[in-house]
C-alpha atoms as a PDB file:
ATOM      1  CA  MET A   1      -7.564  10.323   3.384  1.00  0.00           C
ATOM      2  CA  ARG A   2      -6.060  12.873   5.758  1.00  0.00           C
ATOM      3  CA  TYR A   3      -8.938  12.541   8.196  1.00  0.00           C
ATOM      4  CA  PHE A   4      -8.615   8.743   8.058  1.00  0.00           C
ATOM      5  CA  CYS A   5      -4.866   8.940   8.792  1.00  0.00           C
ATOM      6  CA  GLU A   6      -5.416  11.286  11.732  1.00  0.00           C
ATOM      7  CA  ILE A   7      -7.975   8.994  13.300  1.00  0.00           C
ATOM      8  CA  TYR A   8      -6.576   5.599  12.395  1.00  0.00           C
ATOM      9  CA  PHE A   9      -2.843   6.201  12.575  1.00  0.00           C
ATOM     10  CA  GLY A  10      -2.755   9.287  14.792  1.00  0.00           C
ATOM     11  CA  TYR A  11      -0.828  11.487  12.386  1.00  0.00           C
ATOM     12  CA  THR A  12      -1.285  13.487   9.208  1.00  0.00           C
ATOM     13  CA  LEU A  13       0.352  12.991   5.838  1.00  0.00           C
ATOM     14  CA  GLY A  14       2.494  16.057   6.520  1.00  0.00           C
ATOM     15  CA  MET A  15       3.891  14.320   9.582  1.00  0.00           C
ATOM     16  CA  MET A  16       4.664  11.279   7.450  1.00  0.00           C
ATOM     17  CA  LYS A  17       6.772  13.455   5.101  1.00  0.00           C
ATOM     18  CA  SER A  18       8.547  14.966   8.109  1.00  0.00           C
ATOM     19  CA  ASP A  19       9.259  11.489   9.492  1.00  0.00           C
ATOM     20  CA  ALA A  20      10.681  10.384   6.125  1.00  0.00           C
ATOM     21  CA  LEU A  21      13.036  13.389   6.062  1.00  0.00           C
ATOM     22  CA  HIS A  22      14.079  12.643   9.656  1.00  0.00           C
ATOM     23  CA  ASN A  23      14.803   9.000   8.771  1.00  0.00           C
ATOM     24  CA  LYS A  24      16.875  10.047   5.736  1.00  0.00           C
ATOM     25  CA  SER A  25      18.814  12.491   7.920  1.00  0.00           C
ATOM     26  CA  LEU A  26      19.342   9.787  10.554  1.00  0.00           C
ATOM     27  CA  GLY A  27      20.555   7.383   7.879  1.00  0.00           C
ATOM     28  CA  THR A  28      22.984   9.935   6.468  1.00  0.00           C
ATOM     29  CA  GLN A  29      24.309  10.638   9.961  1.00  0.00           C
ATOM     30  CA  GLY A  30      24.795   6.922  10.597  1.00  0.00           C
ATOM     31  CA  GLU A  31      26.573   6.429   7.262  1.00  0.00           C
ATOM     32  CA  THR A  32      28.974   9.284   8.045  1.00  0.00           C
ATOM     33  CA  LEU A  33      29.704   7.842  11.485  1.00  0.00           C
ATOM     34  CA  ALA A  34      30.231   4.367   9.980  1.00  0.00           C
ATOM     35  CA  ALA A  35      32.594   5.728   7.299  1.00  0.00           C
ATOM     36  CA  ASN A  36      34.625   7.496  10.001  1.00  0.00           C
ATOM     37  CA  TYR A  37      34.615   4.297  12.093  1.00  0.00           C
ATOM     38  CA  LEU A  38      36.002   2.319   9.151  1.00  0.00           C
ATOM     39  CA  ALA A  39      38.587   4.962   8.218  1.00  0.00           C
ATOM     40  CA  ALA A  40      39.855   5.004  11.816  1.00  0.00           C
ATOM     41  CA  ARG A  41      40.457   1.255  11.471  1.00  0.00           C
ATOM     42  CA  GLY A  42      42.520   1.547   8.315  1.00  0.00           C
ATOM     43  CA  TYR A  43      39.827   1.105   5.666  1.00  0.00           C
ATOM     44  CA  LYS A  44      40.118   3.268   2.569  1.00  0.00           C
ATOM     45  CA  ILE A  45      36.698   4.689   1.689  1.00  0.00           C
ATOM     46  CA  LEU A  46      36.292   4.423  -2.079  1.00  0.00           C
ATOM     47  CA  GLU A  47      32.676   5.501  -2.553  1.00  0.00           C
ATOM     48  CA  ARG A  48      29.558   6.383  -0.636  1.00  0.00           C
ATOM     49  CA  ASN A  49      25.990   5.955  -1.826  1.00  0.00           C
ATOM     50  CA  PHE A  50      26.836   4.118  -5.040  1.00  0.00           C
ATOM     51  CA  ARG A  51      23.651   3.756  -7.053  1.00  0.00           C
ATOM     52  CA  ALA A  52      22.794   1.163  -9.680  1.00  0.00           C
ATOM     53  CA  GLY A  53      19.214   1.713 -10.764  1.00  0.00           C
ATOM     54  CA  HIS A  54      17.076   1.515  -7.628  1.00  0.00           C
ATOM     55  CA  GLN A  55      19.772  -0.289  -5.649  1.00  0.00           C
ATOM     56  CA  GLU A  56      22.266   1.508  -3.442  1.00  0.00           C
ATOM     57  CA  LEU A  57      25.437   0.578  -1.595  1.00  0.00           C
ATOM     58  CA  ASP A  58      26.028   2.788   1.438  1.00  0.00           C
ATOM     59  CA  ILE A  59      29.814   2.482   1.627  1.00  0.00           C
ATOM     60  CA  ILE A  60      32.407   0.833  -0.579  1.00  0.00           C
ATOM     61  CA  ALA A  61      35.768   0.514   1.136  1.00  0.00           C
ATOM     62  CA  GLU A  62      39.027  -1.369   0.732  1.00  0.00           C
ATOM     63  CA  HIS A  63      41.000  -3.079   3.485  1.00  0.00           C
ATOM     64  CA  SER A  64      43.754  -5.691   3.165  1.00  0.00           C
ATOM     65  CA  ASP A  65      43.196  -5.941  -0.610  1.00  0.00           C
ATOM     66  CA  ILE A  66      39.526  -6.872  -0.130  1.00  0.00           C
ATOM     67  CA  LEU A  67      36.614  -4.725  -1.287  1.00  0.00           C
ATOM     68  CA  HIS A  68      34.036  -4.229   1.444  1.00  0.00           C
ATOM     69  CA  PHE A  69      30.479  -3.394   0.470  1.00  0.00           C
ATOM     70  CA  VAL A  70      29.015  -2.011   3.681  1.00  0.00           C
ATOM     71  CA  GLU A  71      25.320  -1.710   4.467  1.00  0.00           C
ATOM     72  CA  VAL A  72      24.658   0.704   7.336  1.00  0.00           C
ATOM     73  CA  LYS A  73      21.615   0.607   9.594  1.00  0.00           C
ATOM     74  CA  THR A  74      21.145   3.346  12.176  1.00  0.00           C
ATOM     75  CA  ARG A  75      18.821   3.209  15.169  1.00  0.00           C
ATOM     76  CA  ARG A  76      17.857   5.684  17.889  1.00  0.00           C
ATOM     77  CA  ALA A  77      15.376   3.381  19.584  1.00  0.00           C
ATOM     78  CA  VAL A  78      14.530  -0.318  19.573  1.00  0.00           C
ATOM     79  CA  GLN A  79      10.806   0.136  18.935  1.00  0.00           C
ATOM     80  CA  PHE A  80      11.495  -0.048  15.187  1.00  0.00           C
ATOM     81  CA  GLY A  81      13.520  -3.233  15.585  1.00  0.00           C
ATOM     82  CA  LEU A  82      17.199  -3.971  15.594  1.00  0.00           C
ATOM     83  CA  GLY A  83      19.317  -2.849  12.672  1.00  0.00           C
ATOM     84  CA  GLU A  84      20.389  -6.432  12.150  1.00  0.00           C
ATOM     85  CA  ASP A  85      16.773  -7.434  11.515  1.00  0.00           C
ATOM     86  CA  ALA A  86      16.433  -4.920   8.659  1.00  0.00           C
ATOM     87  CA  VAL A  87      18.734  -6.917   6.381  1.00  0.00           C
ATOM     88  CA  HIS A  88      16.399  -9.610   5.135  1.00  0.00           C
ATOM     89  CA  LYS A  89      16.352 -11.809   2.027  1.00  0.00           C
ATOM     90  CA  ARG A  90      14.862  -9.117  -0.242  1.00  0.00           C
ATOM     91  CA  LYS A  91      17.368  -6.497   0.959  1.00  0.00           C
ATOM     92  CA  LEU A  92      20.263  -8.923   0.417  1.00  0.00           C
ATOM     93  CA  GLY A  93      19.056  -9.523  -3.134  1.00  0.00           C
ATOM     94  CA  SER A  94      19.014  -5.784  -3.769  1.00  0.00           C
ATOM     95  CA  LEU A  95      22.515  -5.378  -2.322  1.00  0.00           C
ATOM     96  CA  LEU A  96      23.866  -8.236  -4.456  1.00  0.00           C
ATOM     97  CA  LYS A  97      22.454  -6.624  -7.630  1.00  0.00           C
ATOM     98  CA  ALA A  98      24.214  -3.357  -6.769  1.00  0.00           C
ATOM     99  CA  ILE A  99      27.438  -5.255  -6.009  1.00  0.00           C
ATOM    100  CA  ASP A 100      27.227  -6.999  -9.397  1.00  0.00           C
ATOM    101  CA  ALA A 101      26.822  -3.601 -11.100  1.00  0.00           C
ATOM    102  CA  TYR A 102      29.858  -2.218  -9.269  1.00  0.00           C
ATOM    103  CA  LEU A 103      32.003  -5.277 -10.007  1.00  0.00           C
ATOM    104  CA  ALA A 104      31.164  -5.045 -13.729  1.00  0.00           C
ATOM    105  CA  ARG A 105      33.722  -2.196 -13.838  1.00  0.00           C
ATOM    106  CA  PHE A 106      36.594  -4.633 -13.298  1.00  0.00           C
ATOM    107  CA  GLU A 107      38.258  -6.795 -15.899  1.00  0.00           C
ATOM    108  CA  LYS A 108      39.105  -9.350 -13.197  1.00  0.00           C
ATOM    109  CA  GLU A 109      36.735  -9.545 -10.251  1.00  0.00           C
ATOM    110  CA  PRO A 110      38.513  -8.608  -7.006  1.00  0.00           C
ATOM    111  CA  GLU A 111      38.006 -10.350  -3.700  1.00  0.00           C
ATOM    112  CA  TRP A 112      35.047  -8.819  -1.918  1.00  0.00           C
ATOM    113  CA  GLN A 113      32.715  -9.231   0.984  1.00  0.00           C
ATOM    114  CA  LEU A 114      29.454  -7.775   2.199  1.00  0.00           C
ATOM    115  CA  ASP A 115      29.509  -6.242   5.688  1.00  0.00           C
ATOM    116  CA  LEU A 116      26.862  -4.739   7.940  1.00  0.00           C
ATOM    117  CA  ILE A 117      27.461  -1.932  10.401  1.00  0.00           C
ATOM    118  CA  VAL A 118      24.716  -1.129  12.881  1.00  0.00           C
ATOM    119  CA  VAL A 119      25.048   2.307  14.452  1.00  0.00           C
ATOM    120  CA  GLU A 120      23.064   2.822  17.651  1.00  0.00           C
ATOM    121  CA  LEU A 121      22.565   6.410  18.768  1.00  0.00           C
ATOM    122  CA  TRP A 122      21.131   6.216  22.258  1.00  0.00           C
ATOM    123  CA  LYS A 123      20.555   9.117  24.614  1.00  0.00           C
ATOM    124  CA  ASN A 124      24.033   8.989  26.168  1.00  0.00           C
ATOM    125  CA  GLY A 125      25.316  10.648  23.003  1.00  0.00           C
ATOM    126  CA  GLN A 126      28.046   8.128  22.197  1.00  0.00           C
ATOM    127  CA  PRO A 127      27.371   6.016  19.121  1.00  0.00           C
ATOM    128  CA  GLN A 128      27.825   2.282  19.432  1.00  0.00           C
ATOM    129  CA  PHE A 129      29.016   0.306  16.429  1.00  0.00           C
ATOM    130  CA  PHE A 130      28.334  -3.340  15.655  1.00  0.00           C
ATOM    131  CA  HIS A 131      30.390  -4.457  12.669  1.00  0.00           C
ATOM    132  CA  TYR A 132      29.329  -7.764  11.133  1.00  0.00           C
ATOM    133  CA  GLU A 133      31.988  -8.757   8.642  1.00  0.00           C
ATOM    134  CA  SER A 134      31.558 -11.025   5.679  1.00  0.00           C
ATOM    135  CA  LEU A 135      27.864 -11.721   5.322  1.00  0.00           C
ATOM    136  CA  GLY A 136      29.165 -13.680   2.343  1.00  0.00           C
ATOM    137  CA  PRO A 137      32.521 -15.307   1.579  1.00  0.00           C
ATOM    138  CA  ALA A 138      35.569 -13.079   0.993  1.00  0.00           C
ATOM    139  CA  ASP A 139      36.040 -14.602  -2.472  1.00  0.00           C
ATOM    140  CA  GLY A 140      32.625 -13.218  -3.463  1.00  0.00           C
ATOM    141  CA  SER A 141      31.135 -16.584  -4.342  1.00  0.00           C
END
């Protein structure tokens, strides 16, 4: 298998593990930057990395009496696609399951919305943020 990977893909399995750790580190960095971005705009960060089974919500925040479930996508280069393109139908389904699990805590369901923040970390060193608010209606329906 290793020989096949080296020839066919140009890397070893050890490099794959290293890449996975790098991606996790990049994601954590992006989530921290996004949480700071939101806090600077008056959002109260309630939770980070809420898990419900295999589903995860990156950031749960509150702003103007609305719960914001925030998915964060971080990119250093465009060769892996835009962050916006990484939120597809299957990912949305996973996010909605996690949101349902979080909302089960409440006696009366609060107003909520699902947001996306794309963090781009290009070589100039300054992160760029693209905040897409309300991928669903604010009333959660």
